[in-house]
All heavy atoms as atom14 arrays in JSON, in Angstrom:
{
  "sequence": "FRLFPQSWYAAVGMQYKVPNGLGYHFFFMWLFALNGIAYVAYLTI",
  "atom14_mask": [
    [1, 1, 1, 1, 1, 1, 1, 1, 1, 1, 1, 0, 0, 0],
    [1, 1, 1, 1, 1, 1, 1, 1, 1, 1, 1, 0, 0, 0],
    [1, 1, 1, 1, 1, 1, 1, 1, 0, 0, 0, 0, 0, 0],
    [1, 1, 1, 1, 1, 1, 1, 1, 1, 1, 1, 0, 0, 0],
    [1, 1, 1, 1, 1, 1, 1, 0, 0, 0, 0, 0, 0, 0],
    [1, 1, 1, 1, 1, 1, 1, 1, 1, 0, 0, 0, 0, 0],
    [1, 1, 1, 1, 1, 1, 0, 0, 0, 0, 0, 0, 0, 0],
    [1, 1, 1, 1, 1, 1, 1, 1, 1, 1, 1, 1, 1, 1],
    [1, 1, 1, 1, 1, 1, 1, 1, 1, 1, 1, 1, 0, 0],
    [1, 1, 1, 1, 1, 0, 0, 0, 0, 0, 0, 0, 0, 0],
    [1, 1, 1, 1, 1, 0, 0, 0, 0, 0, 0, 0, 0, 0],
    [1, 1, 1, 1, 1, 1, 1, 0, 0, 0, 0, 0, 0, 0],
    [1, 1, 1, 1, 0, 0, 0, 0, 0, 0, 0, 0, 0, 0],
    [1, 1, 1, 1, 1, 1, 1, 1, 0, 0, 0, 0, 0, 0],
    [1, 1, 1, 1, 1, 1, 1, 1, 1, 0, 0, 0, 0, 0],
    [1, 1, 1, 1, 1, 1, 1, 1, 1, 1, 1, 1, 0, 0],
    [1, 1, 1, 1, 1, 1, 1, 1, 1, 0, 0, 0, 0, 0],
    [1, 1, 1, 1, 1, 1, 1, 0, 0, 0, 0, 0, 0, 0],
    [1, 1, 1, 1, 1, 1, 1, 0, 0, 0, 0, 0, 0, 0],
    [1, 1, 1, 1, 1, 1, 1, 1, 0, 0, 0, 0, 0, 0],
    [1, 1, 1, 1, 0, 0, 0, 0, 0, 0, 0, 0, 0, 0],
    [1, 1, 1, 1, 1, 1, 1, 1, 0, 0, 0, 0, 0, 0],
    [1, 1, 1, 1, 0, 0, 0, 0, 0, 0, 0, 0, 0, 0],
    [1, 1, 1, 1, 1, 1, 1, 1, 1, 1, 1, 1, 0, 0],
    [1, 1, 1, 1, 1, 1, 1, 1, 1, 1, 0, 0, 0, 0],
    [1, 1, 1, 1, 1, 1, 1, 1, 1, 1, 1, 0, 0, 0],
    [1, 1, 1, 1, 1, 1, 1, 1, 1, 1, 1, 0, 0, 0],
    [1, 1, 1, 1, 1, 1, 1, 1, 1, 1, 1, 0, 0, 0],
    [1, 1, 1, 1, 1, 1, 1, 1, 0, 0, 0, 0, 0, 0],
    [1, 1, 1, 1, 1, 1, 1, 1, 1, 1, 1, 1, 1, 1],
    [1, 1, 1, 1, 1, 1, 1, 1, 0, 0, 0, 0, 0, 0],
    [1, 1, 1, 1, 1, 1, 1, 1, 1, 1, 1, 0, 0, 0],
    [1, 1, 1, 1, 1, 0, 0, 0, 0, 0, 0, 0, 0, 0],
    [1, 1, 1, 1, 1, 1, 1, 1, 0, 0, 0, 0, 0, 0],
    [1, 1, 1, 1, 1, 1, 1, 1, 0, 0, 0, 0, 0, 0],
    [1, 1, 1, 1, 0, 0, 0, 0, 0, 0, 0, 0, 0, 0],
    [1, 1, 1, 1, 1, 1, 1, 1, 0, 0, 0, 0, 0, 0],
    [1, 1, 1, 1, 1, 0, 0, 0, 0, 0, 0, 0, 0, 0],
    [1, 1, 1, 1, 1, 1, 1, 1, 1, 1, 1, 1, 0, 0],
    [1, 1, 1, 1, 1, 1, 1, 0, 0, 0, 0, 0, 0, 0],
    [1, 1, 1, 1, 1, 0, 0, 0, 0, 0, 0, 0, 0, 0],
    [1, 1, 1, 1, 1, 1, 1, 1, 1, 1, 1, 1, 0, 0],
    [1, 1, 1, 1, 1, 1, 1, 1, 0, 0, 0, 0, 0, 0],
    [1, 1, 1, 1, 1, 1, 1, 0, 0, 0, 0, 0, 0, 0],
    [1, 1, 1, 1, 1, 1, 1, 1, 0, 0, 0, 0, 0, 0]
  ],
  "atom14_positions": [
    [[95.49, 68.5, 27.68], [94.16, 68.27, 27.11], [93.54, 69.62, 26.78], [93.95, 70.66, 27.28], [93.26, 67.46, 28.05], [92.89, 68.17, 29.33], [91.77, 69.0, 29.41], [93.68, 68.01, 30.47], [91.44, 69.64, 30.59], [93.34, 68.65, 31.66], [92.22, 69.47, 31.71], [0.0, 0.0, 0.0], [0.0, 0.0, 0.0], [0.0, 0.0, 0.0]],
    [[92.55, 69.59, 25.89], [91.89, 70.8, 25.44], [90.44, 70.79, 25.89], [89.73, 69.82, 25.72], [91.96, 70.9, 23.91], [91.53, 72.24, 23.34], [91.72, 72.25, 21.83], [93.1, 72.07, 21.47], [94.01, 73.04, 21.45], [93.65, 74.26, 21.8], [95.25, 72.81, 21.11], [0.0, 0.0, 0.0], [0.0, 0.0, 0.0], [0.0, 0.0, 0.0]],
    [[90.0, 71.9, 26.52], [88.63, 71.98, 26.98], [87.69, 72.25, 25.8], [88.03, 72.97, 24.87], [88.49, 73.1, 28.01], [89.3, 72.94, 29.3], [89.1, 74.15, 30.19], [88.89, 71.68, 30.03], [0.0, 0.0, 0.0], [0.0, 0.0, 0.0], [0.0, 0.0, 0.0], [0.0, 0.0, 0.0], [0.0, 0.0, 0.0], [0.0, 0.0, 0.0]],
    [[86.51, 71.67, 25.86], [85.46, 71.87, 24.87], [85.94, 71.63, 23.43], [85.94, 72.54, 22.6], [84.87, 73.29, 24.99], [84.42, 73.62, 26.37], [85.07, 74.59, 27.12], [83.34, 72.96, 26.95], [84.66, 74.9, 28.41], [82.92, 73.27, 28.24], [83.59, 74.24, 28.97], [0.0, 0.0, 0.0], [0.0, 0.0, 0.0], [0.0, 0.0, 0.0]],
    [[86.36, 70.39, 23.14], [86.76, 70.08, 21.76], [85.54, 70.04, 20.84], [84.38, 70.1, 21.3], [87.4, 68.7, 21.89], [86.71, 68.09, 23.09], [86.46, 69.23, 24.03], [0.0, 0.0, 0.0], [0.0, 0.0, 0.0], [0.0, 0.0, 0.0], [0.0, 0.0, 0.0], [0.0, 0.0, 0.0], [0.0, 0.0, 0.0], [0.0, 0.0, 0.0]],
    [[85.77, 69.93, 19.54], [84.67, 69.9, 18.59], [83.72, 68.74, 18.82], [82.52, 68.85, 18.58], [85.24, 69.84, 17.16], [85.86, 71.14, 16.68], [84.84, 72.27, 16.63], [83.81, 72.17, 15.97], [85.12, 73.34, 17.36], [0.0, 0.0, 0.0], [0.0, 0.0, 0.0], [0.0, 0.0, 0.0], [0.0, 0.0, 0.0], [0.0, 0.0, 0.0]],
    [[84.25, 67.62, 19.31], [83.39, 66.46, 19.59], [82.36, 66.79, 20.68], [81.22, 66.33, 20.63], [84.25, 65.26, 20.03], [85.03, 65.6, 21.17], [0.0, 0.0, 0.0], [0.0, 0.0, 0.0], [0.0, 0.0, 0.0], [0.0, 0.0, 0.0], [0.0, 0.0, 0.0], [0.0, 0.0, 0.0], [0.0, 0.0, 0.0], [0.0, 0.0, 0.0]],
    [[82.76, 67.62, 21.64], [81.84, 68.03, 22.71], [80.75, 68.92, 22.14], [79.57, 68.75, 22.44], [82.62, 68.76, 23.81], [81.75, 69.2, 24.95], [81.39, 68.46, 26.04], [81.11, 70.47, 25.1], [80.57, 69.21, 26.87], [80.37, 70.44, 26.32], [81.07, 71.64, 24.32], [79.64, 71.52, 26.77], [80.34, 72.71, 24.77], [79.63, 72.65, 25.98]],
    [[81.14, 69.89, 21.32], [80.16, 70.78, 20.71], [79.16, 70.0, 19.84], [77.96, 70.29, 19.84], [80.86, 71.84, 19.85], [81.36, 73.03, 20.63], [82.71, 73.18, 20.91], [80.48, 74.01, 21.08], [83.17, 74.29, 21.63], [80.92, 75.1, 21.79], [82.28, 75.24, 22.07], [82.71, 76.33, 22.77], [0.0, 0.0, 0.0], [0.0, 0.0, 0.0]],
    [[79.68, 69.02, 19.1], [78.8, 68.22, 18.26], [77.82, 67.4, 19.09], [76.66, 67.23, 18.73], [79.63, 67.3, 17.36], [0.0, 0.0, 0.0], [0.0, 0.0, 0.0], [0.0, 0.0, 0.0], [0.0, 0.0, 0.0], [0.0, 0.0, 0.0], [0.0, 0.0, 0.0], [0.0, 0.0, 0.0], [0.0, 0.0, 0.0], [0.0, 0.0, 0.0]],
    [[78.29, 66.89, 20.23], [77.44, 66.05, 21.09], [76.29, 66.84, 21.69], [75.19, 66.32, 21.85], [78.29, 65.42, 22.2], [0.0, 0.0, 0.0], [0.0, 0.0, 0.0], [0.0, 0.0, 0.0], [0.0, 0.0, 0.0], [0.0, 0.0, 0.0], [0.0, 0.0, 0.0], [0.0, 0.0, 0.0], [0.0, 0.0, 0.0], [0.0, 0.0, 0.0]],
    [[76.53, 68.13, 22.01], [75.48, 68.94, 22.65], [74.77, 69.85, 21.64], [73.85, 70.58, 22.01], [76.07, 69.79, 23.79], [76.62, 68.9, 24.88], [77.16, 70.74, 23.29], [0.0, 0.0, 0.0], [0.0, 0.0, 0.0], [0.0, 0.0, 0.0], [0.0, 0.0, 0.0], [0.0, 0.0, 0.0], [0.0, 0.0, 0.0], [0.0, 0.0, 0.0]],
    [[75.18, 69.8, 20.36], [74.52, 70.59, 19.32], [74.7, 72.09, 19.44], [73.76, 72.84, 19.2], [0.0, 0.0, 0.0], [0.0, 0.0, 0.0], [0.0, 0.0, 0.0], [0.0, 0.0, 0.0], [0.0, 0.0, 0.0], [0.0, 0.0, 0.0], [0.0, 0.0, 0.0], [0.0, 0.0, 0.0], [0.0, 0.0, 0.0], [0.0, 0.0, 0.0]],
    [[75.9, 72.53, 19.8], [76.15, 73.95, 20.0], [77.07, 74.56, 18.94], [77.52, 75.68, 19.08], [76.74, 74.2, 21.4], [75.78, 73.92, 22.54], [76.54, 74.07, 24.2], [77.06, 75.78, 24.2], [0.0, 0.0, 0.0], [0.0, 0.0, 0.0], [0.0, 0.0, 0.0], [0.0, 0.0, 0.0], [0.0, 0.0, 0.0], [0.0, 0.0, 0.0]],
    [[77.36, 73.82, 17.87], [78.23, 74.36, 16.84], [77.46, 75.24, 15.85], [76.24, 75.15, 15.76], [78.97, 73.22, 16.1], [78.07, 72.32, 15.26], [77.5, 71.16, 16.01], [76.89, 71.36, 17.05], [77.67, 69.95, 15.48], [0.0, 0.0, 0.0], [0.0, 0.0, 0.0], [0.0, 0.0, 0.0], [0.0, 0.0, 0.0], [0.0, 0.0, 0.0]],
    [[78.2, 76.11, 15.14], [77.63, 77.0, 14.1], [76.56, 77.96, 14.65], [75.61, 78.29, 13.96], [77.01, 76.17, 12.95], [77.97, 75.17, 12.35], [77.81, 73.81, 12.6], [79.02, 75.59, 11.55], [78.68, 72.88, 12.06], [79.91, 74.66, 11.01], [79.74, 73.31, 11.27], [80.6, 72.4, 10.73], [0.0, 0.0, 0.0], [0.0, 0.0, 0.0]],
    [[76.72, 78.41, 15.89], [75.75, 79.32, 16.47], [76.43, 80.57, 17.03], [75.97, 81.17, 18.01], [74.97, 78.61, 17.58], [74.11, 77.45, 17.06], [73.34, 76.79, 18.2], [72.49, 75.63, 17.67], [71.74, 74.95, 18.77], [0.0, 0.0, 0.0], [0.0, 0.0, 0.0], [0.0, 0.0, 0.0], [0.0, 0.0, 0.0], [0.0, 0.0, 0.0]],
    [[77.51, 80.98, 16.38], [78.26, 82.15, 16.84], [77.4, 83.43, 16.84], [77.43, 84.19, 17.82], [79.53, 82.36, 16.0], [80.27, 83.61, 16.45], [80.44, 81.15, 16.13], [0.0, 0.0, 0.0], [0.0, 0.0, 0.0], [0.0, 0.0, 0.0], [0.0, 0.0, 0.0], [0.0, 0.0, 0.0], [0.0, 0.0, 0.0], [0.0, 0.0, 0.0]],
    [[76.63, 83.73, 15.77], [75.8, 84.95, 15.8], [74.82, 84.97, 16.97], [74.61, 86.01, 17.6], [75.06, 84.9, 14.46], [75.95, 84.1, 13.57], [76.52, 83.03, 14.45], [0.0, 0.0, 0.0], [0.0, 0.0, 0.0], [0.0, 0.0, 0.0], [0.0, 0.0, 0.0], [0.0, 0.0, 0.0], [0.0, 0.0, 0.0], [0.0, 0.0, 0.0]],
    [[74.21, 83.8, 17.26], [73.31, 83.72, 18.41], [74.05, 84.04, 19.71], [73.56, 84.77, 20.57], [72.68, 82.33, 18.52], [71.74, 82.04, 17.38], [71.49, 82.89, 16.54], [71.22, 80.83, 17.34], [0.0, 0.0, 0.0], [0.0, 0.0, 0.0], [0.0, 0.0, 0.0], [0.0, 0.0, 0.0], [0.0, 0.0, 0.0], [0.0, 0.0, 0.0]],
    [[75.24, 83.45, 19.82], [76.04, 83.67, 21.02], [76.42, 85.12, 21.2], [76.33, 85.66, 22.31], [0.0, 0.0, 0.0], [0.0, 0.0, 0.0], [0.0, 0.0, 0.0], [0.0, 0.0, 0.0], [0.0, 0.0, 0.0], [0.0, 0.0, 0.0], [0.0, 0.0, 0.0], [0.0, 0.0, 0.0], [0.0, 0.0, 0.0], [0.0, 0.0, 0.0]],
    [[76.83, 85.78, 20.12], [77.19, 87.19, 20.21], [76.0, 88.06, 20.61], [76.13, 88.97, 21.44], [77.74, 87.66, 18.86], [79.11, 87.1, 18.45], [79.41, 87.44, 16.99], [80.21, 87.66, 19.35], [0.0, 0.0, 0.0], [0.0, 0.0, 0.0], [0.0, 0.0, 0.0], [0.0, 0.0, 0.0], [0.0, 0.0, 0.0], [0.0, 0.0, 0.0]],
    [[74.85, 87.77, 20.01], [73.66, 88.55, 20.32], [73.26, 88.43, 21.78], [73.01, 89.43, 22.47], [0.0, 0.0, 0.0], [0.0, 0.0, 0.0], [0.0, 0.0, 0.0], [0.0, 0.0, 0.0], [0.0, 0.0, 0.0], [0.0, 0.0, 0.0], [0.0, 0.0, 0.0], [0.0, 0.0, 0.0], [0.0, 0.0, 0.0], [0.0, 0.0, 0.0]],
    [[73.21, 87.18, 22.28], [72.86, 86.97, 23.68], [73.9, 87.59, 24.62], [73.56, 88.23, 25.6], [72.73, 85.47, 23.99], [71.51, 84.82, 23.41], [71.61, 83.63, 22.67], [70.24, 85.36, 23.62], [70.48, 83.02, 22.14], [69.11, 84.74, 23.09], [69.24, 83.58, 22.35], [68.12, 82.97, 21.83], [0.0, 0.0, 0.0], [0.0, 0.0, 0.0]],
    [[75.16, 87.37, 24.3], [76.25, 87.81, 25.18], [76.27, 89.33, 25.31], [76.39, 89.86, 26.42], [77.59, 87.31, 24.62], [78.58, 86.96, 25.68], [78.43, 85.91, 26.56], [79.77, 87.54, 26.02], [79.47, 85.84, 27.37], [80.3, 86.83, 27.08], [0.0, 0.0, 0.0], [0.0, 0.0, 0.0], [0.0, 0.0, 0.0], [0.0, 0.0, 0.0]],
    [[76.16, 90.03, 24.19], [76.28, 91.48, 24.21], [75.02, 92.17, 24.73], [75.05, 93.35, 25.07], [76.61, 92.01, 22.82], [77.97, 91.61, 22.34], [78.26, 91.51, 20.99], [78.98, 91.33, 23.24], [79.52, 91.14, 20.55], [80.25, 90.95, 22.82], [80.52, 90.85, 21.47], [0.0, 0.0, 0.0], [0.0, 0.0, 0.0], [0.0, 0.0, 0.0]],
    [[73.9, 91.45, 24.81], [72.7, 92.02, 25.41], [72.66, 91.77, 26.91], [72.5, 92.7, 27.72], [71.44, 91.43, 24.76], [70.16, 91.89, 25.41], [69.65, 93.15, 25.16], [69.48, 91.07, 26.3], [68.47, 93.6, 25.78], [68.31, 91.49, 26.92], [67.8, 92.76, 26.65], [0.0, 0.0, 0.0], [0.0, 0.0, 0.0], [0.0, 0.0, 0.0]],
    [[72.84, 90.51, 27.31], [72.7, 90.16, 28.72], [73.88, 90.61, 29.56], [73.79, 90.64, 30.8], [72.49, 88.64, 28.87], [71.1, 88.2, 28.51], [70.84, 87.66, 27.25], [70.05, 88.35, 29.4], [69.56, 87.26, 26.91], [68.76, 87.96, 29.07], [68.52, 87.41, 27.81], [0.0, 0.0, 0.0], [0.0, 0.0, 0.0], [0.0, 0.0, 0.0]],
    [[75.01, 90.95, 28.92], [76.15, 91.41, 29.71], [75.82, 92.71, 30.45], [76.31, 92.95, 31.56], [77.39, 91.62, 28.83], [77.32, 92.8, 27.89], [78.87, 92.95, 26.96], [78.56, 94.51, 26.1], [0.0, 0.0, 0.0], [0.0, 0.0, 0.0], [0.0, 0.0, 0.0], [0.0, 0.0, 0.0], [0.0, 0.0, 0.0], [0.0, 0.0, 0.0]],
    [[74.98, 93.57, 29.84], [74.61, 94.81, 30.5], [73.73, 94.55, 31.72], [73.87, 95.21, 32.76], [73.89, 95.74, 29.52], [74.74, 96.1, 28.34], [74.56, 95.7, 27.05], [75.93, 96.9, 28.35], [75.55, 96.2, 26.24], [76.4, 96.95, 27.0], [76.62, 97.59, 29.33], [77.55, 97.65, 26.66], [77.77, 98.29, 28.99], [78.22, 98.31, 27.67]],
    [[72.83, 93.59, 31.62], [71.98, 93.22, 32.76], [72.81, 92.58, 33.86], [72.6, 92.85, 35.05], [70.87, 92.27, 32.3], [69.93, 92.79, 31.21], [68.89, 91.73, 30.87], [69.26, 94.09, 31.65], [0.0, 0.0, 0.0], [0.0, 0.0, 0.0], [0.0, 0.0, 0.0], [0.0, 0.0, 0.0], [0.0, 0.0, 0.0], [0.0, 0.0, 0.0]],
    [[73.76, 91.74, 33.46], [74.67, 91.11, 34.43], [75.48, 92.17, 35.17], [75.65, 92.12, 36.39], [75.59, 90.13, 33.7], [76.6, 89.44, 34.59], [76.2, 88.43, 35.44], [77.93, 89.82, 34.57], [77.14, 87.79, 36.26], [78.86, 89.2, 35.38], [78.46, 88.18, 36.22], [0.0, 0.0, 0.0], [0.0, 0.0, 0.0], [0.0, 0.0, 0.0]],
    [[75.98, 93.16, 34.4], [76.77, 94.24, 35.0], [75.93, 95.08, 35.95], [76.36, 95.4, 37.07], [77.38, 95.11, 33.9], [0.0, 0.0, 0.0], [0.0, 0.0, 0.0], [0.0, 0.0, 0.0], [0.0, 0.0, 0.0], [0.0, 0.0, 0.0], [0.0, 0.0, 0.0], [0.0, 0.0, 0.0], [0.0, 0.0, 0.0], [0.0, 0.0, 0.0]],
    [[74.73, 95.45, 35.53], [73.87, 96.29, 36.36], [73.48, 95.59, 37.65], [73.45, 96.19, 38.73], [72.61, 96.69, 35.58], [72.82, 97.7, 34.44], [71.53, 97.89, 33.65], [73.3, 99.04, 35.0], [0.0, 0.0, 0.0], [0.0, 0.0, 0.0], [0.0, 0.0, 0.0], [0.0, 0.0, 0.0], [0.0, 0.0, 0.0], [0.0, 0.0, 0.0]],
    [[73.18, 94.29, 37.56], [72.81, 93.53, 38.75], [73.99, 93.43, 39.71], [73.83, 93.56, 40.94], [72.34, 92.13, 38.36], [71.69, 91.39, 39.52], [70.72, 91.85, 40.11], [72.23, 90.22, 39.85], [0.0, 0.0, 0.0], [0.0, 0.0, 0.0], [0.0, 0.0, 0.0], [0.0, 0.0, 0.0], [0.0, 0.0, 0.0], [0.0, 0.0, 0.0]],
    [[75.19, 93.22, 39.15], [76.37, 93.14, 40.0], [76.69, 94.46, 40.66], [77.03, 94.52, 41.85], [0.0, 0.0, 0.0], [0.0, 0.0, 0.0], [0.0, 0.0, 0.0], [0.0, 0.0, 0.0], [0.0, 0.0, 0.0], [0.0, 0.0, 0.0], [0.0, 0.0, 0.0], [0.0, 0.0, 0.0], [0.0, 0.0, 0.0], [0.0, 0.0, 0.0]],
    [[76.58, 95.56, 39.92], [76.84, 96.89, 40.48], [75.81, 97.21, 41.56], [76.15, 97.76, 42.62], [76.81, 97.95, 39.36], [78.0, 97.75, 38.41], [76.84, 99.36, 39.95], [77.95, 98.6, 37.17], [0.0, 0.0, 0.0], [0.0, 0.0, 0.0], [0.0, 0.0, 0.0], [0.0, 0.0, 0.0], [0.0, 0.0, 0.0], [0.0, 0.0, 0.0]],
    [[74.54, 96.86, 41.31], [73.49, 97.11, 42.29], [73.75, 96.31, 43.57], [73.53, 96.81, 44.69], [72.13, 96.73, 41.71], [0.0, 0.0, 0.0], [0.0, 0.0, 0.0], [0.0, 0.0, 0.0], [0.0, 0.0, 0.0], [0.0, 0.0, 0.0], [0.0, 0.0, 0.0], [0.0, 0.0, 0.0], [0.0, 0.0, 0.0], [0.0, 0.0, 0.0]],
    [[74.25, 95.08, 43.43], [74.53, 94.24, 44.59], [75.65, 94.84, 45.44], [75.53, 94.95, 46.67], [74.91, 92.83, 44.11], [75.23, 91.86, 45.22], [74.28, 91.53, 46.18], [76.49, 91.27, 45.3], [74.58, 90.63, 47.2], [76.8, 90.37, 46.32], [75.84, 90.06, 47.26], [76.13, 89.17, 48.27], [0.0, 0.0, 0.0], [0.0, 0.0, 0.0]],
    [[76.73, 95.23, 44.78], [77.87, 95.83, 45.51], [77.44, 97.14, 46.16], [77.8, 97.44, 47.3], [79.06, 96.06, 44.56], [80.16, 96.84, 45.26], [79.61, 94.72, 44.07], [0.0, 0.0, 0.0], [0.0, 0.0, 0.0], [0.0, 0.0, 0.0], [0.0, 0.0, 0.0], [0.0, 0.0, 0.0], [0.0, 0.0, 0.0], [0.0, 0.0, 0.0]],
    [[76.64, 97.93, 45.44], [76.16, 99.21, 46.0], [75.29, 98.96, 47.22], [75.41, 99.67, 48.24], [75.38, 99.97, 44.94], [0.0, 0.0, 0.0], [0.0, 0.0, 0.0], [0.0, 0.0, 0.0], [0.0, 0.0, 0.0], [0.0, 0.0, 0.0], [0.0, 0.0, 0.0], [0.0, 0.0, 0.0], [0.0, 0.0, 0.0], [0.0, 0.0, 0.0]],
    [[74.42, 97.95, 47.15], [73.55, 97.65, 48.29], [74.37, 97.21, 49.5], [74.12, 97.67, 50.63], [72.54, 96.57, 47.93], [71.77, 96.07, 49.13], [70.73, 96.81, 49.66], [72.13, 94.87, 49.77], [70.03, 96.39, 50.79], [71.44, 94.44, 50.89], [70.4, 95.2, 51.39], [69.73, 94.78, 52.51], [0.0, 0.0, 0.0], [0.0, 0.0, 0.0]],
    [[75.34, 96.31, 49.29], [76.17, 95.85, 50.4], [76.91, 97.02, 51.04], [77.06, 97.08, 52.27], [77.19, 94.82, 49.9], [76.65, 93.46, 49.45], [77.8, 92.59, 48.95], [75.9, 92.76, 50.57], [0.0, 0.0, 0.0], [0.0, 0.0, 0.0], [0.0, 0.0, 0.0], [0.0, 0.0, 0.0], [0.0, 0.0, 0.0], [0.0, 0.0, 0.0]],
    [[77.37, 97.95, 50.21], [78.12, 99.09, 50.73], [77.24, 100.06, 51.5], [77.56, 100.45, 52.63], [78.8, 99.85, 49.56], [79.64, 98.94, 48.82], [79.65, 101.0, 50.08], [0.0, 0.0, 0.0], [0.0, 0.0, 0.0], [0.0, 0.0, 0.0], [0.0, 0.0, 0.0], [0.0, 0.0, 0.0], [0.0, 0.0, 0.0], [0.0, 0.0, 0.0]],
    [[76.11, 100.43, 50.91], [75.23, 101.43, 51.53], [74.55, 100.88, 52.79], [74.43, 101.58, 53.8], [74.17, 101.9, 50.51], [74.86, 102.63, 49.35], [73.14, 102.81, 51.18], [73.93, 102.96, 48.2], [0.0, 0.0, 0.0], [0.0, 0.0, 0.0], [0.0, 0.0, 0.0], [0.0, 0.0, 0.0], [0.0, 0.0, 0.0], [0.0, 0.0, 0.0]]
  ]
}
């Protein structure tokens, strides 16, 4: 079976939004990384 087929995307209205996805992903990934690094640093220190 294939995860997230086109029928699933159509049902939740998430198709044709690749530019939005790229913009969100490439911005919030830095915040996700910084929070994760801060967490590991805190546990260590």
